[in-house]
């Protein structure tokens, strides 16, 4: 799960890099629309990861898995 979270953050950082200062109005608008789609996709992925983390926590609480009980 932590690898999935790290990959999601890496995708976010890669996709939202620097902007082209010399781009025209049309190119900027198209780029903004593409970014909106990417942001939506990443937000959906983050919601999925959050749900997985909550499920894992519920399982941990249900089965009483603690470090002290394993030692």
PDB file of N, CA and C in Angstrom:
ATOM      1  N   UNK A   1       0.824  -1.178   0.000  1.00  0.00           N
ATOM      2  CA  UNK A   1       0.000   0.000   0.000  1.00  0.00           C
ATOM      3  C   UNK A   1       0.880   1.257   0.000  1.00  0.00           C
ATOM      4  N   UNK A   2       1.976   1.234   0.733  1.00  0.00           N
ATOM      5  CA  UNK A   2       2.845   2.414   0.769  1.00  0.00           C
ATOM      6  C   UNK A   2       3.494   2.665  -0.594  1.00  0.00           C
ATOM      7  N   UNK A   3       3.789   1.595  -1.323  1.00  0.00           N
ATOM      8  CA  UNK A   3       4.354   1.770  -2.663  1.00  0.00           C
ATOM      9  C   UNK A   3       3.332   2.420  -3.595  1.00  0.00           C
ATOM     10  N   UNK A   4       2.071   2.022  -3.460  1.00  0.00           N
ATOM     11  CA  UNK A   4       1.018   2.623  -4.276  1.00  0.00           C
ATOM     12  C   UNK A   4       0.878   4.108  -3.968  1.00  0.00           C
ATOM     13  N   UNK A   5       0.958   4.457  -2.691  1.00  0.00           N
ATOM     14  CA  UNK A   5       0.878   5.869  -2.303  1.00  0.00           C
ATOM     15  C   UNK A   5       2.058   6.663  -2.853  1.00  0.00           C
ATOM     16  N   UNK A   6       3.239   6.066  -2.755  1.00  0.00           N
ATOM     17  CA  UNK A   6       4.434   6.736  -3.270  1.00  0.00           C
ATOM     18  C   UNK A   6       4.335   6.919  -4.783  1.00  0.00           C
ATOM     19  N   UNK A   7       3.845   5.918  -5.485  1.00  0.00           N
ATOM     20  CA  UNK A   7       3.685   6.027  -6.933  1.00  0.00           C
ATOM     21  C   UNK A   7       2.676   7.105  -7.296  1.00  0.00           C
ATOM     22  N   UNK A   8       1.619   7.216  -6.519  1.00  0.00           N
ATOM     23  CA  UNK A   8       0.609   8.241  -6.766  1.00  0.00           C
ATOM     24  C   UNK A   8       1.227   9.635  -6.607  1.00  0.00           C
ATOM     25  N   UNK A   9       2.020   9.823  -5.580  1.00  0.00           N
ATOM     26  CA  UNK A   9       2.688  11.120  -5.362  1.00  0.00           C
ATOM     27  C   UNK A   9       3.689  11.394  -6.474  1.00  0.00           C
ATOM     28  N   UNK A  10       4.431  10.380  -6.885  1.00  0.00           N
ATOM     29  CA  UNK A  10       5.385  10.558  -7.984  1.00  0.00           C
ATOM     30  C   UNK A  10       4.676  10.951  -9.276  1.00  0.00           C
ATOM     31  N   UNK A  11       3.544  10.315  -9.560  1.00  0.00           N
ATOM     32  CA  UNK A  11       2.767  10.673 -10.752  1.00  0.00           C
ATOM     33  C   UNK A  11       2.299  12.111 -10.678  1.00  0.00           C
ATOM     34  N   UNK A  12       1.846  12.525  -9.507  1.00  0.00           N
ATOM     35  CA  UNK A  12       1.393  13.898  -9.319  1.00  0.00           C
ATOM     36  C   UNK A  12       2.529  14.876  -9.591  1.00  0.00           C
ATOM     37  N   UNK A  13       3.695  14.610  -9.021  1.00  0.00           N
ATOM     38  CA  UNK A  13       4.837  15.516  -9.193  1.00  0.00           C
ATOM     39  C   UNK A  13       5.301  15.555 -10.650  1.00  0.00           C
ATOM     40  N   UNK A  14       5.281  14.416 -11.316  1.00  0.00           N
ATOM     41  CA  UNK A  14       5.723  14.360 -12.709  1.00  0.00           C
ATOM     42  C   UNK A  14       4.741  15.094 -13.633  1.00  0.00           C
ATOM     43  N   UNK A  15       3.454  14.895 -13.407  1.00  0.00           N
ATOM     44  CA  UNK A  15       2.442  15.482 -14.282  1.00  0.00           C
ATOM     45  C   UNK A  15       2.300  16.986 -14.117  1.00  0.00           C
ATOM     46  N   UNK A  16       2.590  17.494 -12.938  1.00  0.00           N
ATOM     47  CA  UNK A  16       2.380  18.910 -12.677  1.00  0.00           C
ATOM     48  C   UNK A  16       3.693  19.658 -12.546  1.00  0.00           C
ATOM     49  N   UNK A  17       4.565  19.430 -13.503  1.00  0.00           N
ATOM     50  CA  UNK A  17       5.849  20.110 -13.538  1.00  0.00           C
ATOM     51  C   UNK A  17       5.698  21.548 -13.983  1.00  0.00           C
ATOM     52  N   UNK A  18       6.753  22.124 -14.490  1.00  0.00           N
ATOM     53  CA  UNK A  18       6.744  23.522 -14.906  1.00  0.00           C
ATOM     54  C   UNK A  18       5.858  23.777 -16.116  1.00  0.00           C
ATOM     55  N   UNK A  19       5.478  25.032 -16.274  1.00  0.00           N
ATOM     56  CA  UNK A  19       4.617  25.434 -17.395  1.00  0.00           C
ATOM     57  C   UNK A  19       5.444  26.151 -18.455  1.00  0.00           C
ATOM     58  N   UNK A  20       4.947  26.147 -19.670  1.00  0.00           N
ATOM     59  CA  UNK A  20       5.601  26.827 -20.780  1.00  0.00           C
ATOM     60  C   UNK A  20       5.163  28.290 -20.792  1.00  0.00           C
ATOM     61  N   UNK A  21       6.100  29.202 -20.575  1.00  0.00           N
ATOM     62  CA  UNK A  21       5.768  30.630 -20.466  1.00  0.00           C
ATOM     63  C   UNK A  21       5.402  31.243 -21.820  1.00  0.00           C
ATOM     64  N   UNK A  22       5.888  30.674 -22.923  1.00  0.00           N
ATOM     65  CA  UNK A  22       5.659  31.262 -24.242  1.00  0.00           C
ATOM     66  C   UNK A  22       4.460  30.662 -24.974  1.00  0.00           C
ATOM     67  N   UNK A  23       3.739  29.797 -24.332  1.00  0.00           N
ATOM     68  CA  UNK A  23       2.596  29.160 -24.985  1.00  0.00           C
ATOM     69  C   UNK A  23       1.481  30.183 -25.201  1.00  0.00           C
ATOM     70  N   UNK A  24       0.740  30.004 -26.294  1.00  0.00           N
ATOM     71  CA  UNK A  24      -0.367  30.898 -26.603  1.00  0.00           C
ATOM     72  C   UNK A  24      -1.607  30.555 -25.803  1.00  0.00           C
ATOM     73  N   UNK A  25      -2.655  31.328 -26.011  1.00  0.00           N
ATOM     74  CA  UNK A  25      -3.905  31.163 -25.270  1.00  0.00           C
ATOM     75  C   UNK A  25      -4.510  29.779 -25.493  1.00  0.00           C
ATOM     76  N   UNK A  26      -4.552  29.335 -26.741  1.00  0.00           N
ATOM     77  CA  UNK A  26      -5.156  28.033 -27.067  1.00  0.00           C
ATOM     78  C   UNK A  26      -4.363  26.907 -26.418  1.00  0.00           C
ATOM     79  N   UNK A  27      -3.048  26.961 -26.531  1.00  0.00           N
ATOM     80  CA  UNK A  27      -2.213  25.908 -25.945  1.00  0.00           C
ATOM     81  C   UNK A  27      -2.360  25.879 -24.425  1.00  0.00           C
ATOM     82  N   UNK A  28      -2.416  27.052 -23.810  1.00  0.00           N
ATOM     83  CA  UNK A  28      -2.586  27.100 -22.357  1.00  0.00           C
ATOM     84  C   UNK A  28      -3.935  26.526 -21.949  1.00  0.00           C
ATOM     85  N   UNK A  29      -4.978  26.845 -22.713  1.00  0.00           N
ATOM     86  CA  UNK A  29      -6.311  26.345 -22.402  1.00  0.00           C
ATOM     87  C   UNK A  29      -6.371  24.826 -22.544  1.00  0.00           C
ATOM     88  N   UNK A  30      -5.797  24.306 -23.602  1.00  0.00           N
ATOM     89  CA  UNK A  30      -5.771  22.856 -23.813  1.00  0.00           C
ATOM     90  C   UNK A  30      -4.991  22.183 -22.692  1.00  0.00           C
ATOM     91  N   UNK A  31      -3.867  22.777 -22.321  1.00  0.00           N
ATOM     92  CA  UNK A  31      -3.059  22.204 -21.251  1.00  0.00           C
ATOM     93  C   UNK A  31      -3.825  22.214 -19.926  1.00  0.00           C
ATOM     94  N   UNK A  32      -4.560  23.278 -19.664  1.00  0.00           N
ATOM     95  CA  UNK A  32      -5.354  23.346 -18.428  1.00  0.00           C
ATOM     96  C   UNK A  32      -6.437  22.274 -18.403  1.00  0.00           C
ATOM     97  N   UNK A  33      -7.063  22.035 -19.548  1.00  0.00           N
ATOM     98  CA  UNK A  33      -8.088  20.989 -19.615  1.00  0.00           C
ATOM     99  C   UNK A  33      -7.484  19.609 -19.379  1.00  0.00           C
ATOM    100  N   UNK A  34      -6.315  19.370 -19.950  1.00  0.00           N
ATOM    101  CA  UNK A  34      -5.634  18.094 -19.737  1.00  0.00           C
ATOM    102  C   UNK A  34      -5.241  17.941 -18.278  1.00  0.00           C
ATOM    103  N   UNK A  35      -4.778  19.036 -17.672  1.00  0.00           N
ATOM    104  CA  UNK A  35      -4.387  18.994 -16.268  1.00  0.00           C
ATOM    105  C   UNK A  35      -5.593  18.712 -15.382  1.00  0.00           C
ATOM    106  N   UNK A  36      -6.735  19.272 -15.734  1.00  0.00           N
ATOM    107  CA  UNK A  36      -7.951  19.041 -14.966  1.00  0.00           C
ATOM    108  C   UNK A  36      -8.303  17.559 -14.972  1.00  0.00           C
ATOM    109  N   UNK A  37      -8.183  16.933 -16.120  1.00  0.00           N
ATOM    110  CA  UNK A  37      -8.456  15.497 -16.232  1.00  0.00           C
ATOM    111  C   UNK A  37      -7.452  14.691 -15.391  1.00  0.00           C
ATOM    112  N   UNK A  38      -6.175  15.078 -15.450  1.00  0.00           N
ATOM    113  CA  UNK A  38      -5.156  14.375 -14.671  1.00  0.00           C
ATOM    114  C   UNK A  38      -5.399  14.545 -13.178  1.00  0.00           C
ATOM    115  N   UNK A  39      -5.758  15.758 -12.772  1.00  0.00           N
ATOM    116  CA  UNK A  39      -6.026  15.998 -11.354  1.00  0.00           C
ATOM    117  C   UNK A  39      -7.210  15.167 -10.873  1.00  0.00           C
ATOM    118  N   UNK A  40      -8.213  15.053 -11.707  1.00  0.00           N
ATOM    119  CA  UNK A  40      -9.377  14.251 -11.351  1.00  0.00           C
ATOM    120  C   UNK A  40      -8.989  12.788 -11.190  1.00  0.00           C
ATOM    121  N   UNK A  41      -8.167  12.292 -12.100  1.00  0.00           N
ATOM    122  CA  UNK A  41      -7.718  10.900 -12.047  1.00  0.00           C
ATOM    123  C   UNK A  41      -6.886  10.650 -10.789  1.00  0.00           C
ATOM    124  N   UNK A  42      -5.995  11.579 -10.466  1.00  0.00           N
ATOM    125  CA  UNK A  42      -5.157  11.426  -9.280  1.00  0.00           C
ATOM    126  C   UNK A  42      -6.004  11.523  -8.014  1.00  0.00           C
ATOM    127  N   UNK A  43      -6.993  12.417  -7.997  1.00  0.00           N
ATOM    128  CA  UNK A  43      -7.878  12.531  -6.833  1.00  0.00           C
ATOM    129  C   UNK A  43      -8.653  11.237  -6.629  1.00  0.00           C
ATOM    130  N   UNK A  44      -9.116  10.623  -7.713  1.00  0.00           N
ATOM    131  CA  UNK A  44      -9.811   9.337  -7.604  1.00  0.00           C
ATOM    132  C   UNK A  44      -8.887   8.269  -7.039  1.00  0.00           C
ATOM    133  N   UNK A  45      -7.648   8.258  -7.499  1.00  0.00           N
ATOM    134  CA  UNK A  45      -6.670   7.270  -7.015  1.00  0.00           C
ATOM    135  C   UNK A  45      -6.387   7.480  -5.530  1.00  0.00           C
ATOM    136  N   UNK A  46      -6.293   8.736  -5.110  1.00  0.00           N
ATOM    137  CA  UNK A  46      -6.061   9.026  -3.696  1.00  0.00           C
ATOM    138  C   UNK A  46      -7.237   8.560  -2.838  1.00  0.00           C
ATOM    139  N   UNK A  47      -8.447   8.720  -3.341  1.00  0.00           N
ATOM    140  CA  UNK A  47      -9.619   8.235  -2.617  1.00  0.00           C
ATOM    141  C   UNK A  47      -9.582   6.715  -2.481  1.00  0.00           C
ATOM    142  N   UNK A  48      -9.167   6.019  -3.545  1.00  0.00           N
ATOM    143  CA  UNK A  48      -9.043   4.564  -3.485  1.00  0.00           C
ATOM    144  C   UNK A  48      -8.001   4.160  -2.450  1.00  0.00           C
ATOM    145  N   UNK A  49      -6.862   4.852  -2.440  1.00  0.00           N
ATOM    146  CA  UNK A  49      -5.805   4.538  -1.487  1.00  0.00           C
ATOM    147  C   UNK A  49      -6.256   4.820  -0.054  1.00  0.00           C
ATOM    148  N   UNK A  50      -7.016   5.877   0.128  1.00  0.00           N
ATOM    149  CA  UNK A  50      -7.535   6.197   1.457  1.00  0.00           C
ATOM    150  C   UNK A  50      -8.469   5.087   1.933  1.00  0.00           C
ATOM    151  N   UNK A  51      -9.325   4.611   1.043  1.00  0.00           N
ATOM    152  CA  UNK A  51     -10.240   3.528   1.402  1.00  0.00           C
ATOM    153  C   UNK A  51      -9.460   2.258   1.761  1.00  0.00           C
ATOM    154  N   UNK A  52      -8.395   1.960   1.026  1.00  0.00           N
ATOM    155  CA  UNK A  52      -7.572   0.791   1.340  1.00  0.00           C
ATOM    156  C   UNK A  52      -6.908   0.934   2.702  1.00  0.00           C
ATOM    157  N   UNK A  53      -6.424   2.130   3.012  1.00  0.00           N
ATOM    158  CA  UNK A  53      -5.781   2.366   4.303  1.00  0.00           C
ATOM    159  C   UNK A  53      -6.787   2.213   5.439  1.00  0.00           C
ATOM    160  N   UNK A  54      -8.000   2.712   5.252  1.00  0.00           N
ATOM    161  CA  UNK A  54      -9.028   2.572   6.280  1.00  0.00           C
ATOM    162  C   UNK A  54      -9.419   1.106   6.475  1.00  0.00           C
ATOM    163  N   UNK A  55      -9.499   0.358   5.393  1.00  0.00           N
ATOM    164  CA  UNK A  55      -9.819  -1.070   5.499  1.00  0.00           C
ATOM    165  C   UNK A  55      -8.721  -1.818   6.241  1.00  0.00           C
ATOM    166  N   UNK A  56      -7.474  -1.486   5.938  1.00  0.00           N
ATOM    167  CA  UNK A  56      -6.353  -2.136   6.625  1.00  0.00           C
ATOM    168  C   UNK A  56      -6.377  -1.806   8.115  1.00  0.00           C
ATOM    169  N   UNK A  57      -6.707  -0.569   8.453  1.00  0.00           N
ATOM    170  CA  UNK A  57      -6.793  -0.181   9.857  1.00  0.00           C
ATOM    171  C   UNK A  57      -7.934  -0.923  10.554  1.00  0.00           C
ATOM    172  N   UNK A  58      -9.055  -1.060   9.888  1.00  0.00           N
ATOM    173  CA  UNK A  58     -10.180  -1.801  10.477  1.00  0.00           C
ATOM    174  C   UNK A  58      -9.803  -3.255  10.728  1.00  0.00           C
ATOM    175  N   UNK A  59      -9.089  -3.876   9.802  1.00  0.00           N
ATOM    176  CA  UNK A  59      -8.642  -5.261  10.003  1.00  0.00           C
ATOM    177  C   UNK A  59      -7.681  -5.350  11.177  1.00  0.00           C
ATOM    178  N   UNK A  60      -6.778  -4.378  11.285  1.00  0.00           N
ATOM    179  CA  UNK A  60      -5.820  -4.374  12.392  1.00  0.00           C
ATOM    180  C   UNK A  60      -6.560  -4.261  13.725  1.00  0.00           C
ATOM    181  N   UNK A  61      -7.562  -3.383  13.769  1.00  0.00           N
ATOM    182  CA  UNK A  61      -8.334  -3.211  15.005  1.00  0.00           C
ATOM    183  C   UNK A  61      -9.150  -4.473  15.311  1.00  0.00           C
ATOM    184  N   UNK A  62      -9.718  -5.088  14.293  1.00  0.00           N
ATOM    185  CA  UNK A  62     -10.568  -6.266  14.476  1.00  0.00           C
ATOM    186  C   UNK A  62      -9.759  -7.457  14.992  1.00  0.00           C
ATOM    187  N   UNK A  63      -8.554  -7.637  14.446  1.00  0.00           N
ATOM    188  CA  UNK A  63      -7.742  -8.783  14.830  1.00  0.00           C
ATOM    189  C   UNK A  63      -6.760  -8.468  15.953  1.00  0.00           C
ATOM    190  N   UNK A  64      -6.782  -7.256  16.495  1.00  0.00           N
ATOM    191  CA  UNK A  64      -5.902  -6.848  17.594  1.00  0.00           C
ATOM    192  C   UNK A  64      -4.437  -7.141  17.319  1.00  0.00           C
ATOM    193  N   UNK A  65      -3.982  -6.732  16.171  1.00  0.00           N
ATOM    194  CA  UNK A  65      -2.588  -6.955  15.806  1.00  0.00           C
ATOM    195  C   UNK A  65      -1.783  -5.760  16.283  1.00  0.00           C
ATOM    196  N   UNK A  66      -0.951  -5.991  17.270  1.00  0.00           N
ATOM    197  CA  UNK A  66      -0.058  -4.973  17.800  1.00  0.00           C
ATOM    198  C   UNK A  66       1.356  -5.539  17.833  1.00  0.00           C
ATOM    199  N   UNK A  67       2.323  -4.666  17.857  1.00  0.00           N
ATOM    200  CA  UNK A  67       3.721  -5.094  17.932  1.00  0.00           C
ATOM    201  C   UNK A  67       3.977  -5.847  19.239  1.00  0.00           C
ATOM    202  N   UNK A  68       3.423  -5.361  20.325  1.00  0.00           N
ATOM    203  CA  UNK A  68       3.664  -5.980  21.637  1.00  0.00           C
ATOM    204  C   UNK A  68       3.108  -7.399  21.715  1.00  0.00           C
ATOM    205  N   UNK A  69       2.027  -7.683  21.003  1.00  0.00           N
ATOM    206  CA  UNK A  69       1.463  -9.041  21.047  1.00  0.00           C
ATOM    207  C   UNK A  69       2.258 -10.021  20.197  1.00  0.00           C
ATOM    208  N   UNK A  70       3.057  -9.510  19.253  1.00  0.00           N
ATOM    209  CA  UNK A  70       3.848 -10.388  18.387  1.00  0.00           C
ATOM    210  C   UNK A  70       5.171 -10.783  19.026  1.00  0.00           C
ATOM    211  N   UNK A  71       5.618 -10.041  20.011  1.00  0.00           N
ATOM    212  CA  UNK A  71       6.939 -10.294  20.622  1.00  0.00           C
ATOM    213  C   UNK A  71       6.828 -11.335  21.705  1.00  0.00           C
TER     214      UNK A  71
END
